[in-house]
Amino acid sequence: MITVVGSLKGGSGKSTLTFNLGVWLAMAEVDVQLIDADPQATLTDVNQVRIEEGFAPALKVRDQSALTAENLAEAAETLIDIGTSDMDSLRLALSLCDRVLVPVPPSQADIWSTQRFVGLVESVERDRPGPEILGFINRGDTHHAVRETDEAAAALVSLNGVRFVRSRLSLRTVFRRSFSEGLAAFELDPRGKASREFNALAAALYPHLLR
C-alpha cells in the first residue's frame, strides 16, 4: 500500500508521523520504504541520525526521484512525506498513492486547510479511482479542560471526503525529543502516554498486521 502523509500547512507533524510509522512497520518485519519528497528533507535528516547512532531496525529512505509507479511497488508498504513547496511532486505522489493520511492540528485554520487539501487531492488526474483520505487529530491538547481538540475532531468528522480516524496524538514533548535523537517515540519511552497513543493510531491504520 502506498500512503501519502500530507497537508497544505507546515508544522502539522507530517515528517514525525511518517518516521514513527516507518519504524513501527519495520519493527513489525514489514518490507517498508519511505520517500522524502519534501524539499526540507527533514525525514532524510532524522534517518541520517538513526544511521549514525546505529539504531535498529534501519530504514530505507529515498528522495523524490523514487516517485514512479515501478519504484513505489518495490515494497509492501510505502510512506511518502510530502510538502507544498514542491507542488509537482505533491501532485505526482497523489496520482500514485492508495490513500492519503492527513494529520490535523486542533484549530479552525487547520480544519479549513484540510478542506482545501481534500479539494486538491480530488482534483489530481488519475488512471484509477481516487485515494481514500483519512484524517486524525495530531498535536491535540493534553488538558481535559481545553475543548478545542474535541471541537476540531467534531469538525473533522463532518468534512466531506474524509474518513475520520478516532485515534489521536497529543502534543507531547517526547515526539520532539525522540525525533531529534533518531528514535521513534515508542522507542524512547515505550511505557509513556505518547507510545500508547501512537500504538492505537498504528493499529487503526494497519489492522491487518495485528491479526
N, C-alpha and C. Protein backbone atom coordinates (compact mmCIF):
# COMPACT_ATOMS: atom_id res chain seq x y z
N MET A 1 0.83 -1.19 0.00
CA MET A 1 0.00 0.00 0.00
C MET A 1 0.87 1.25 0.00
N ILE A 2 0.46 2.22 -0.78
CA ILE A 2 1.20 3.48 -0.88
C ILE A 2 0.42 4.56 -0.13
N THR A 3 1.01 5.11 0.91
CA THR A 3 0.35 6.11 1.74
C THR A 3 1.09 7.42 1.67
N VAL A 4 0.39 8.47 1.27
CA VAL A 4 0.94 9.82 1.32
C VAL A 4 0.56 10.44 2.66
N VAL A 5 1.54 10.99 3.37
CA VAL A 5 1.28 11.75 4.58
C VAL A 5 1.41 13.22 4.20
N GLY A 6 0.29 13.93 4.15
CA GLY A 6 0.35 15.27 3.62
C GLY A 6 -0.70 16.20 4.17
N SER A 7 -0.50 17.48 3.90
CA SER A 7 -1.44 18.54 4.22
C SER A 7 -0.94 19.80 3.51
N LEU A 8 -1.74 20.85 3.55
CA LEU A 8 -1.33 22.10 2.93
C LEU A 8 -0.50 22.97 3.86
N LYS A 9 -0.58 22.72 5.16
CA LYS A 9 0.10 23.57 6.12
C LYS A 9 1.37 22.92 6.65
N GLY A 10 2.38 23.74 6.88
CA GLY A 10 3.58 23.25 7.54
C GLY A 10 3.33 23.14 9.04
N GLY A 11 4.16 22.38 9.71
CA GLY A 11 4.05 22.27 11.15
C GLY A 11 2.96 21.36 11.65
N SER A 12 2.41 20.53 10.77
CA SER A 12 1.34 19.63 11.20
C SER A 12 1.87 18.31 11.73
N GLY A 13 3.17 18.09 11.61
CA GLY A 13 3.77 16.86 12.14
C GLY A 13 3.89 15.74 11.13
N LYS A 14 3.92 16.08 9.84
CA LYS A 14 3.97 15.05 8.80
C LYS A 14 5.23 14.20 8.88
N SER A 15 6.39 14.83 8.98
CA SER A 15 7.65 14.08 8.98
C SER A 15 7.78 13.22 10.23
N THR A 16 7.39 13.76 11.38
CA THR A 16 7.44 12.99 12.62
C THR A 16 6.55 11.77 12.53
N LEU A 17 5.36 11.95 12.00
CA LEU A 17 4.43 10.84 11.86
C LEU A 17 4.96 9.80 10.89
N THR A 18 5.46 10.24 9.74
CA THR A 18 5.98 9.31 8.74
C THR A 18 7.13 8.48 9.32
N PHE A 19 8.02 9.14 10.02
CA PHE A 19 9.16 8.45 10.62
C PHE A 19 8.71 7.41 11.64
N ASN A 20 7.82 7.81 12.54
CA ASN A 20 7.34 6.87 13.57
C ASN A 20 6.62 5.69 12.96
N LEU A 21 5.80 5.93 11.94
CA LEU A 21 5.12 4.83 11.26
C LEU A 21 6.13 3.91 10.56
N GLY A 22 7.16 4.51 9.97
CA GLY A 22 8.17 3.71 9.30
C GLY A 22 8.90 2.78 10.25
N VAL A 23 9.27 3.29 11.41
CA VAL A 23 9.94 2.46 12.42
C VAL A 23 9.01 1.35 12.89
N TRP A 24 7.76 1.71 13.15
CA TRP A 24 6.78 0.73 13.63
C TRP A 24 6.60 -0.40 12.63
N LEU A 25 6.46 -0.05 11.35
CA LEU A 25 6.29 -1.07 10.32
C LEU A 25 7.54 -1.95 10.20
N ALA A 26 8.71 -1.32 10.28
CA ALA A 26 9.95 -2.09 10.21
C ALA A 26 10.06 -3.06 11.38
N MET A 27 9.63 -2.62 12.56
CA MET A 27 9.65 -3.49 13.73
C MET A 27 8.69 -4.66 13.58
N ALA A 28 7.62 -4.43 12.81
CA ALA A 28 6.66 -5.50 12.54
C ALA A 28 7.13 -6.41 11.40
N GLU A 29 8.38 -6.21 10.96
CA GLU A 29 9.01 -7.00 9.90
C GLU A 29 8.27 -6.86 8.57
N VAL A 30 7.74 -5.66 8.35
CA VAL A 30 7.11 -5.34 7.08
C VAL A 30 8.15 -4.74 6.15
N ASP A 31 8.12 -5.12 4.90
CA ASP A 31 9.00 -4.53 3.90
C ASP A 31 8.50 -3.13 3.60
N VAL A 32 9.15 -2.11 4.16
CA VAL A 32 8.66 -0.74 4.07
C VAL A 32 9.75 0.18 3.52
N GLN A 33 9.36 1.12 2.70
CA GLN A 33 10.26 2.16 2.24
C GLN A 33 9.61 3.51 2.50
N LEU A 34 10.44 4.52 2.76
CA LEU A 34 9.99 5.87 3.00
C LEU A 34 10.50 6.76 1.87
N ILE A 35 9.63 7.62 1.38
CA ILE A 35 10.01 8.57 0.33
C ILE A 35 9.97 9.97 0.92
N ASP A 36 11.11 10.65 0.91
CA ASP A 36 11.18 12.02 1.39
C ASP A 36 11.08 12.94 0.18
N ALA A 37 9.84 13.37 -0.12
CA ALA A 37 9.61 14.23 -1.28
C ALA A 37 9.40 15.68 -0.87
N ASP A 38 9.77 16.00 0.35
CA ASP A 38 9.68 17.39 0.85
C ASP A 38 11.06 18.03 0.71
N PRO A 39 11.17 19.17 0.02
CA PRO A 39 12.47 19.82 -0.14
C PRO A 39 13.18 20.13 1.18
N GLN A 40 12.44 20.23 2.28
CA GLN A 40 13.09 20.46 3.57
C GLN A 40 13.90 19.26 4.03
N ALA A 41 13.58 18.08 3.52
CA ALA A 41 14.34 16.85 3.75
C ALA A 41 14.49 16.49 5.23
N THR A 42 13.49 16.82 6.02
CA THR A 42 13.55 16.51 7.45
C THR A 42 13.60 15.01 7.71
N LEU A 43 12.85 14.27 6.92
CA LEU A 43 12.83 12.81 7.08
C LEU A 43 14.19 12.22 6.78
N THR A 44 14.86 12.73 5.77
CA THR A 44 16.21 12.28 5.43
C THR A 44 17.17 12.60 6.57
N ASP A 45 17.02 13.77 7.16
CA ASP A 45 17.91 14.18 8.26
C ASP A 45 17.77 13.27 9.47
N VAL A 46 16.54 12.97 9.86
CA VAL A 46 16.35 12.13 11.04
C VAL A 46 16.83 10.71 10.78
N ASN A 47 16.66 10.24 9.55
CA ASN A 47 17.16 8.90 9.24
C ASN A 47 18.68 8.86 9.28
N GLN A 48 19.32 9.96 8.88
CA GLN A 48 20.77 10.01 8.95
C GLN A 48 21.25 9.92 10.39
N VAL A 49 20.54 10.58 11.30
CA VAL A 49 20.87 10.48 12.72
C VAL A 49 20.71 9.03 13.18
N ARG A 50 19.63 8.39 12.74
CA ARG A 50 19.39 7.00 13.14
C ARG A 50 20.52 6.09 12.65
N ILE A 51 20.97 6.32 11.43
CA ILE A 51 22.07 5.52 10.87
C ILE A 51 23.35 5.75 11.66
N GLU A 52 23.66 7.02 11.93
CA GLU A 52 24.89 7.35 12.66
C GLU A 52 24.90 6.76 14.06
N GLU A 53 23.73 6.70 14.69
CA GLU A 53 23.64 6.15 16.04
C GLU A 53 23.56 4.63 16.05
N GLY A 54 23.37 4.04 14.89
CA GLY A 54 23.33 2.58 14.79
C GLY A 54 22.07 1.94 15.33
N PHE A 55 20.95 2.69 15.31
CA PHE A 55 19.70 2.14 15.81
C PHE A 55 19.10 1.16 14.81
N ALA A 56 18.51 0.11 15.35
CA ALA A 56 17.84 -0.89 14.51
C ALA A 56 16.37 -0.95 14.90
N PRO A 57 15.51 -1.26 13.93
CA PRO A 57 15.82 -1.58 12.53
C PRO A 57 16.18 -0.34 11.71
N ALA A 58 16.97 -0.57 10.68
CA ALA A 58 17.33 0.52 9.77
C ALA A 58 16.15 0.82 8.85
N LEU A 59 16.08 2.04 8.39
CA LEU A 59 15.01 2.45 7.48
C LEU A 59 15.57 2.72 6.10
N LYS A 60 14.76 2.45 5.09
CA LYS A 60 15.12 2.77 3.71
C LYS A 60 14.39 4.06 3.33
N VAL A 61 15.16 5.13 3.16
CA VAL A 61 14.58 6.42 2.80
C VAL A 61 15.12 6.85 1.45
N ARG A 62 14.21 7.15 0.52
CA ARG A 62 14.58 7.58 -0.82
C ARG A 62 14.07 9.00 -1.06
N ASP A 63 14.62 9.67 -2.08
CA ASP A 63 14.20 11.03 -2.36
C ASP A 63 13.09 11.05 -3.41
N GLN A 64 12.69 12.25 -3.85
CA GLN A 64 11.55 12.39 -4.74
C GLN A 64 11.76 11.74 -6.10
N SER A 65 12.98 11.42 -6.45
CA SER A 65 13.22 10.75 -7.73
C SER A 65 12.62 9.34 -7.74
N ALA A 66 12.27 8.82 -6.57
CA ALA A 66 11.68 7.49 -6.48
C ALA A 66 10.17 7.50 -6.73
N LEU A 67 9.61 8.68 -7.05
CA LEU A 67 8.17 8.78 -7.26
C LEU A 67 7.78 8.30 -8.66
N THR A 68 7.93 7.00 -8.87
CA THR A 68 7.44 6.34 -10.07
C THR A 68 6.66 5.11 -9.64
N ALA A 69 5.73 4.68 -10.47
CA ALA A 69 4.93 3.51 -10.12
C ALA A 69 5.80 2.29 -9.88
N GLU A 70 6.84 2.13 -10.67
CA GLU A 70 7.72 0.98 -10.52
C GLU A 70 8.46 1.01 -9.18
N ASN A 71 9.02 2.15 -8.82
CA ASN A 71 9.76 2.25 -7.57
C ASN A 71 8.85 2.08 -6.36
N LEU A 72 7.66 2.66 -6.42
CA LEU A 72 6.77 2.59 -5.27
C LEU A 72 6.24 1.18 -5.04
N ALA A 73 6.25 0.37 -6.09
CA ALA A 73 5.76 -1.01 -5.97
C ALA A 73 6.82 -1.96 -5.42
N GLU A 74 8.01 -1.46 -5.17
CA GLU A 74 9.11 -2.34 -4.74
C GLU A 74 8.98 -2.80 -3.29
N ALA A 75 8.15 -2.14 -2.50
CA ALA A 75 7.99 -2.51 -1.10
C ALA A 75 6.53 -2.82 -0.82
N ALA A 76 6.29 -3.62 0.21
CA ALA A 76 4.91 -3.94 0.59
C ALA A 76 4.18 -2.71 1.08
N GLU A 77 4.90 -1.84 1.79
CA GLU A 77 4.32 -0.59 2.29
C GLU A 77 5.25 0.56 1.93
N THR A 78 4.68 1.62 1.42
CA THR A 78 5.44 2.82 1.10
C THR A 78 4.79 4.01 1.79
N LEU A 79 5.60 4.81 2.45
CA LEU A 79 5.15 6.04 3.09
C LEU A 79 5.81 7.22 2.40
N ILE A 80 5.03 8.20 1.98
CA ILE A 80 5.56 9.37 1.28
C ILE A 80 5.32 10.62 2.10
N ASP A 81 6.39 11.28 2.50
CA ASP A 81 6.31 12.55 3.21
C ASP A 81 6.44 13.67 2.17
N ILE A 82 5.41 14.51 2.09
CA ILE A 82 5.38 15.50 1.03
C ILE A 82 4.91 16.84 1.56
N GLY A 83 5.48 17.92 1.03
CA GLY A 83 5.06 19.27 1.40
C GLY A 83 4.56 20.02 0.20
N THR A 84 4.09 21.24 0.43
CA THR A 84 3.51 22.03 -0.66
C THR A 84 4.53 22.91 -1.37
N SER A 85 5.77 22.90 -0.91
CA SER A 85 6.78 23.72 -1.58
C SER A 85 7.22 23.12 -2.92
N ASP A 86 6.84 21.86 -3.16
CA ASP A 86 7.10 21.22 -4.44
C ASP A 86 5.77 20.65 -4.92
N MET A 87 4.97 21.49 -5.57
CA MET A 87 3.63 21.08 -5.96
C MET A 87 3.65 20.00 -7.04
N ASP A 88 4.66 19.99 -7.89
CA ASP A 88 4.73 18.95 -8.92
C ASP A 88 4.90 17.57 -8.28
N SER A 89 5.80 17.49 -7.29
CA SER A 89 5.99 16.21 -6.60
C SER A 89 4.75 15.83 -5.80
N LEU A 90 4.10 16.83 -5.21
CA LEU A 90 2.89 16.56 -4.44
C LEU A 90 1.81 15.96 -5.33
N ARG A 91 1.57 16.58 -6.47
CA ARG A 91 0.55 16.06 -7.38
C ARG A 91 0.92 14.68 -7.92
N LEU A 92 2.20 14.48 -8.20
CA LEU A 92 2.64 13.17 -8.68
C LEU A 92 2.39 12.11 -7.62
N ALA A 93 2.76 12.39 -6.39
CA ALA A 93 2.56 11.43 -5.30
C ALA A 93 1.07 11.13 -5.13
N LEU A 94 0.23 12.16 -5.21
CA LEU A 94 -1.21 11.96 -5.05
C LEU A 94 -1.79 11.14 -6.20
N SER A 95 -1.18 11.22 -7.36
CA SER A 95 -1.68 10.44 -8.51
C SER A 95 -1.31 8.97 -8.40
N LEU A 96 -0.34 8.64 -7.57
CA LEU A 96 0.18 7.28 -7.49
C LEU A 96 -0.24 6.53 -6.22
N CYS A 97 -0.76 7.24 -5.23
CA CYS A 97 -0.97 6.61 -3.93
C CYS A 97 -2.32 5.90 -3.82
N ASP A 98 -2.43 5.05 -2.79
CA ASP A 98 -3.68 4.36 -2.49
C ASP A 98 -4.51 5.12 -1.45
N ARG A 99 -3.82 5.83 -0.58
CA ARG A 99 -4.54 6.60 0.45
C ARG A 99 -3.70 7.78 0.88
N VAL A 100 -4.38 8.75 1.49
CA VAL A 100 -3.73 9.96 1.98
C VAL A 100 -4.06 10.09 3.46
N LEU A 101 -3.03 10.25 4.27
CA LEU A 101 -3.19 10.40 5.71
C LEU A 101 -2.91 11.85 6.06
N VAL A 102 -3.89 12.52 6.68
CA VAL A 102 -3.78 13.94 6.97
C VAL A 102 -3.75 14.17 8.48
N PRO A 103 -2.60 14.57 9.03
CA PRO A 103 -2.57 14.94 10.46
C PRO A 103 -3.12 16.35 10.61
N VAL A 104 -4.09 16.53 11.49
CA VAL A 104 -4.79 17.81 11.60
C VAL A 104 -4.64 18.38 13.02
N PRO A 105 -3.83 19.42 13.20
CA PRO A 105 -3.76 20.08 14.50
C PRO A 105 -5.12 20.69 14.85
N PRO A 106 -5.40 20.83 16.15
CA PRO A 106 -6.73 21.26 16.56
C PRO A 106 -6.95 22.77 16.49
N SER A 107 -7.20 23.27 15.30
CA SER A 107 -7.54 24.68 15.14
C SER A 107 -8.49 24.82 13.96
N GLN A 108 -9.28 25.88 13.97
CA GLN A 108 -10.21 26.09 12.87
C GLN A 108 -9.44 26.31 11.56
N ALA A 109 -8.30 26.99 11.65
CA ALA A 109 -7.49 27.23 10.45
C ALA A 109 -7.05 25.91 9.83
N ASP A 110 -6.71 24.92 10.66
CA ASP A 110 -6.28 23.63 10.13
C ASP A 110 -7.45 22.85 9.54
N ILE A 111 -8.63 23.02 10.10
CA ILE A 111 -9.82 22.39 9.52
C ILE A 111 -10.08 22.97 8.13
N TRP A 112 -10.02 24.29 8.01
CA TRP A 112 -10.21 24.92 6.70
C TRP A 112 -9.14 24.45 5.71
N SER A 113 -7.90 24.38 6.19
CA SER A 113 -6.80 23.94 5.33
C SER A 113 -7.02 22.50 4.87
N THR A 114 -7.50 21.65 5.77
CA THR A 114 -7.76 20.26 5.41
C THR A 114 -8.84 20.17 4.35
N GLN A 115 -9.86 21.01 4.48
CA GLN A 115 -10.93 21.03 3.49
C GLN A 115 -10.39 21.40 2.11
N ARG A 116 -9.49 22.38 2.07
CA ARG A 116 -8.89 22.77 0.79
C ARG A 116 -7.98 21.66 0.26
N PHE A 117 -7.29 20.97 1.15
CA PHE A 117 -6.41 19.89 0.74
C PHE A 117 -7.21 18.75 0.11
N VAL A 118 -8.37 18.46 0.68
CA VAL A 118 -9.23 17.43 0.10
C VAL A 118 -9.59 17.81 -1.33
N GLY A 119 -9.89 19.08 -1.54
CA GLY A 119 -10.19 19.54 -2.89
C GLY A 119 -9.03 19.35 -3.84
N LEU A 120 -7.81 19.59 -3.35
CA LEU A 120 -6.62 19.38 -4.17
C LEU A 120 -6.45 17.91 -4.52
N VAL A 121 -6.61 17.04 -3.53
CA VAL A 121 -6.47 15.60 -3.78
C VAL A 121 -7.47 15.16 -4.85
N GLU A 122 -8.69 15.62 -4.73
CA GLU A 122 -9.73 15.20 -5.67
C GLU A 122 -9.53 15.78 -7.06
N SER A 123 -8.74 16.85 -7.17
CA SER A 123 -8.52 17.48 -8.47
C SER A 123 -7.42 16.82 -9.29
N VAL A 124 -6.62 15.97 -8.66
CA VAL A 124 -5.49 15.35 -9.34
C VAL A 124 -5.97 14.28 -10.32
N GLU A 125 -5.49 14.34 -11.53
CA GLU A 125 -5.88 13.36 -12.54
C GLU A 125 -5.20 12.02 -12.26
N ARG A 126 -6.00 10.95 -12.36
CA ARG A 126 -5.51 9.60 -12.08
C ARG A 126 -6.10 8.64 -13.10
N ASP A 127 -5.41 7.48 -13.24
CA ASP A 127 -5.89 6.44 -14.15
C ASP A 127 -6.80 5.46 -13.43
N ARG A 128 -7.04 5.68 -12.13
CA ARG A 128 -7.86 4.78 -11.34
C ARG A 128 -8.63 5.60 -10.32
N PRO A 129 -9.51 4.96 -9.55
CA PRO A 129 -10.27 5.72 -8.55
C PRO A 129 -9.35 6.47 -7.58
N GLY A 130 -9.84 7.59 -7.09
CA GLY A 130 -9.04 8.43 -6.20
C GLY A 130 -8.71 7.74 -4.88
N PRO A 131 -7.70 8.23 -4.19
CA PRO A 131 -7.27 7.60 -2.95
C PRO A 131 -8.25 7.87 -1.81
N GLU A 132 -8.27 6.98 -0.85
CA GLU A 132 -9.01 7.21 0.38
C GLU A 132 -8.28 8.27 1.19
N ILE A 133 -9.01 9.20 1.76
CA ILE A 133 -8.41 10.27 2.57
C ILE A 133 -8.79 10.04 4.02
N LEU A 134 -7.80 9.89 4.87
CA LEU A 134 -8.02 9.66 6.29
C LEU A 134 -7.49 10.87 7.07
N GLY A 135 -8.27 11.34 8.02
CA GLY A 135 -7.84 12.47 8.83
C GLY A 135 -7.91 12.13 10.32
N PHE A 136 -6.93 12.61 11.06
CA PHE A 136 -6.95 12.39 12.51
C PHE A 136 -6.38 13.63 13.19
N ILE A 137 -6.70 13.80 14.45
CA ILE A 137 -6.21 14.93 15.22
C ILE A 137 -4.78 14.65 15.69
N ASN A 138 -3.88 15.55 15.34
CA ASN A 138 -2.49 15.45 15.75
C ASN A 138 -2.13 16.67 16.59
N ARG A 139 -1.26 16.46 17.57
CA ARG A 139 -0.82 17.54 18.45
C ARG A 139 -2.00 18.13 19.22
N GLY A 140 -2.86 17.24 19.69
CA GLY A 140 -4.01 17.66 20.47
C GLY A 140 -3.63 18.13 21.86
N ASP A 141 -4.53 18.90 22.48
CA ASP A 141 -4.30 19.39 23.83
C ASP A 141 -4.33 18.24 24.83
N THR A 142 -3.50 18.33 25.84
CA THR A 142 -3.42 17.27 26.84
C THR A 142 -4.27 17.56 28.07
N HIS A 143 -4.73 18.79 28.23
CA HIS A 143 -5.53 19.16 29.40
C HIS A 143 -7.01 18.94 29.10
N HIS A 144 -7.68 18.20 29.98
CA HIS A 144 -9.07 17.82 29.71
C HIS A 144 -10.01 19.02 29.68
N ALA A 145 -9.60 20.13 30.28
CA ALA A 145 -10.47 21.31 30.31
C ALA A 145 -10.46 22.10 29.00
N VAL A 146 -9.49 21.83 28.15
CA VAL A 146 -9.40 22.53 26.87
C VAL A 146 -10.27 21.79 25.85
N ARG A 147 -11.26 22.47 25.31
CA ARG A 147 -12.24 21.84 24.44
C ARG A 147 -11.91 21.94 22.95
N GLU A 148 -10.87 22.70 22.61
CA GLU A 148 -10.59 22.96 21.19
C GLU A 148 -10.30 21.67 20.42
N THR A 149 -9.62 20.72 21.06
CA THR A 149 -9.29 19.47 20.37
C THR A 149 -10.55 18.70 20.02
N ASP A 150 -11.48 18.59 20.97
CA ASP A 150 -12.73 17.88 20.70
C ASP A 150 -13.55 18.61 19.64
N GLU A 151 -13.54 19.93 19.69
CA GLU A 151 -14.28 20.71 18.70
C GLU A 151 -13.70 20.51 17.30
N ALA A 152 -12.36 20.46 17.21
CA ALA A 152 -11.72 20.22 15.91
C ALA A 152 -12.04 18.81 15.41
N ALA A 153 -12.07 17.84 16.33
CA ALA A 153 -12.40 16.47 15.94
C ALA A 153 -13.83 16.39 15.40
N ALA A 154 -14.74 17.10 16.05
CA ALA A 154 -16.13 17.10 15.59
C ALA A 154 -16.23 17.72 14.20
N ALA A 155 -15.46 18.79 13.96
CA ALA A 155 -15.47 19.43 12.65
C ALA A 155 -14.86 18.50 11.59
N LEU A 156 -13.82 17.77 11.98
CA LEU A 156 -13.17 16.85 11.04
C LEU A 156 -14.11 15.72 10.65
N VAL A 157 -14.90 15.25 11.60
CA VAL A 157 -15.88 14.20 11.32
C VAL A 157 -16.83 14.62 10.20
N SER A 158 -17.18 15.90 10.21
CA SER A 158 -18.20 16.39 9.28
C SER A 158 -17.66 16.76 7.89
N LEU A 159 -16.34 16.69 7.70
CA LEU A 159 -15.77 17.06 6.40
C LEU A 159 -16.09 16.01 5.34
N ASN A 160 -16.66 16.43 4.22
CA ASN A 160 -16.93 15.51 3.12
C ASN A 160 -15.63 15.03 2.50
N GLY A 161 -15.58 13.75 2.21
CA GLY A 161 -14.42 13.18 1.54
C GLY A 161 -13.34 12.68 2.46
N VAL A 162 -13.52 12.84 3.78
CA VAL A 162 -12.51 12.43 4.75
C VAL A 162 -13.07 11.34 5.65
N ARG A 163 -12.33 10.25 5.79
CA ARG A 163 -12.71 9.25 6.79
C ARG A 163 -12.00 9.58 8.09
N PHE A 164 -12.77 9.86 9.12
CA PHE A 164 -12.21 10.27 10.41
C PHE A 164 -11.64 9.06 11.14
N VAL A 165 -10.39 9.21 11.61
CA VAL A 165 -9.74 8.19 12.42
C VAL A 165 -9.81 8.65 13.87
N ARG A 166 -10.46 7.88 14.70
CA ARG A 166 -10.72 8.29 16.08
C ARG A 166 -9.45 8.45 16.91
N SER A 167 -8.47 7.58 16.69
CA SER A 167 -7.22 7.66 17.46
C SER A 167 -6.55 9.00 17.19
N ARG A 168 -6.01 9.61 18.25
CA ARG A 168 -5.36 10.91 18.10
C ARG A 168 -4.02 10.91 18.82
N LEU A 169 -3.16 11.82 18.39
CA LEU A 169 -1.88 12.03 19.05
C LEU A 169 -1.91 13.38 19.74
N SER A 170 -1.42 13.42 20.96
CA SER A 170 -1.40 14.67 21.71
C SER A 170 -0.08 15.38 21.53
N LEU A 171 -0.07 16.64 21.88
CA LEU A 171 1.16 17.45 21.81
C LEU A 171 2.03 17.08 23.00
N ARG A 172 2.97 16.16 22.77
CA ARG A 172 3.83 15.65 23.84
C ARG A 172 5.29 15.86 23.47
N THR A 173 6.06 16.24 24.47
CA THR A 173 7.47 16.56 24.27
C THR A 173 8.26 15.39 23.72
N VAL A 174 7.86 14.17 24.07
CA VAL A 174 8.64 13.00 23.68
C VAL A 174 8.71 12.85 22.16
N PHE A 175 7.71 13.31 21.43
CA PHE A 175 7.77 13.21 19.98
C PHE A 175 8.92 14.06 19.43
N ARG A 176 9.06 15.26 19.97
CA ARG A 176 10.13 16.15 19.53
C ARG A 176 11.49 15.64 19.99
N ARG A 177 11.59 15.21 21.24
CA ARG A 177 12.86 14.71 21.79
C ARG A 177 13.34 13.48 21.05
N SER A 178 12.45 12.53 20.85
CA SER A 178 12.85 11.27 20.21
C SER A 178 13.25 11.51 18.77
N PHE A 179 12.53 12.37 18.08
CA PHE A 179 12.81 12.66 16.68
C PHE A 179 14.22 13.23 16.52
N SER A 180 14.62 14.11 17.41
CA SER A 180 15.95 14.72 17.32
C SER A 180 17.06 13.71 17.58
N GLU A 181 16.71 12.59 18.22
CA GLU A 181 17.71 11.55 18.54
C GLU A 181 17.68 10.39 17.55
N GLY A 182 16.82 10.47 16.53
CA GLY A 182 16.74 9.40 15.56
C GLY A 182 15.95 8.20 16.03
N LEU A 183 15.07 8.42 17.01
CA LEU A 183 14.26 7.35 17.58
C LEU A 183 12.78 7.64 17.40
N ALA A 184 11.98 6.58 17.34
CA ALA A 184 10.54 6.75 17.41
C ALA A 184 10.16 7.03 18.86
N ALA A 185 9.02 7.66 19.06
CA ALA A 185 8.59 7.99 20.42
C ALA A 185 8.44 6.75 21.28
N PHE A 186 7.97 5.66 20.68
CA PHE A 186 7.77 4.43 21.45
C PHE A 186 9.08 3.71 21.73
N GLU A 187 10.14 4.08 21.05
CA GLU A 187 11.46 3.54 21.38
C GLU A 187 12.06 4.28 22.57
N LEU A 188 11.90 5.59 22.56
CA LEU A 188 12.48 6.40 23.64
C LEU A 188 11.73 6.21 24.94
N ASP A 189 10.41 6.12 24.87
CA ASP A 189 9.59 6.00 26.08
C ASP A 189 8.48 4.98 25.84
N PRO A 190 8.82 3.70 25.85
CA PRO A 190 7.86 2.67 25.45
C PRO A 190 6.64 2.54 26.36
N ARG A 191 6.72 3.03 27.59
CA ARG A 191 5.60 2.90 28.52
C ARG A 191 4.83 4.20 28.70
N GLY A 192 5.21 5.23 27.96
CA GLY A 192 4.60 6.54 28.13
C GLY A 192 3.27 6.69 27.41
N LYS A 193 2.62 7.81 27.68
CA LYS A 193 1.32 8.10 27.07
C LYS A 193 1.44 8.25 25.55
N ALA A 194 2.53 8.88 25.10
CA ALA A 194 2.71 9.06 23.66
C ALA A 194 2.80 7.71 22.96
N SER A 195 3.47 6.77 23.57
CA SER A 195 3.61 5.44 23.00
C SER A 195 2.24 4.75 22.88
N ARG A 196 1.44 4.86 23.93
CA ARG A 196 0.11 4.25 23.89
C ARG A 196 -0.76 4.89 22.81
N GLU A 197 -0.68 6.21 22.71
CA GLU A 197 -1.46 6.89 21.68
C GLU A 197 -1.01 6.48 20.28
N PHE A 198 0.30 6.43 20.09
CA PHE A 198 0.80 6.08 18.75
C PHE A 198 0.42 4.65 18.39
N ASN A 199 0.56 3.72 19.33
CA ASN A 199 0.23 2.32 19.04
C ASN A 199 -1.25 2.18 18.66
N ALA A 200 -2.10 2.96 19.30
CA ALA A 200 -3.53 2.91 18.96
C ALA A 200 -3.76 3.43 17.54
N LEU A 201 -3.03 4.49 17.17
CA LEU A 201 -3.16 5.02 15.81
C LEU A 201 -2.63 4.02 14.79
N ALA A 202 -1.47 3.45 15.05
CA ALA A 202 -0.90 2.47 14.11
C ALA A 202 -1.82 1.28 13.94
N ALA A 203 -2.44 0.84 15.03
CA ALA A 203 -3.37 -0.29 14.94
C ALA A 203 -4.59 0.07 14.09
N ALA A 204 -5.03 1.32 14.18
CA ALA A 204 -6.17 1.75 13.37
C ALA A 204 -5.81 1.85 11.89
N LEU A 205 -4.56 2.21 11.60
CA LEU A 205 -4.13 2.37 10.22
C LEU A 205 -3.72 1.05 9.56
N TYR A 206 -3.22 0.12 10.36
CA TYR A 206 -2.74 -1.17 9.82
C TYR A 206 -3.33 -2.34 10.60
N PRO A 207 -4.65 -2.45 10.67
CA PRO A 207 -5.25 -3.53 11.47
C PRO A 207 -4.90 -4.93 10.98
N HIS A 208 -4.64 -5.07 9.68
CA HIS A 208 -4.34 -6.40 9.12
C HIS A 208 -3.02 -6.96 9.64
N LEU A 209 -2.14 -6.10 10.16
CA LEU A 209 -0.86 -6.59 10.67
C LEU A 209 -0.97 -7.17 12.07
N LEU A 210 -2.11 -6.97 12.71
CA LEU A 210 -2.27 -7.38 14.09
C LEU A 210 -3.11 -8.65 14.22
N ARG A 211 -3.48 -9.23 13.11
CA ARG A 211 -4.33 -10.43 13.15
C ARG A 211 -3.51 -11.68 12.98
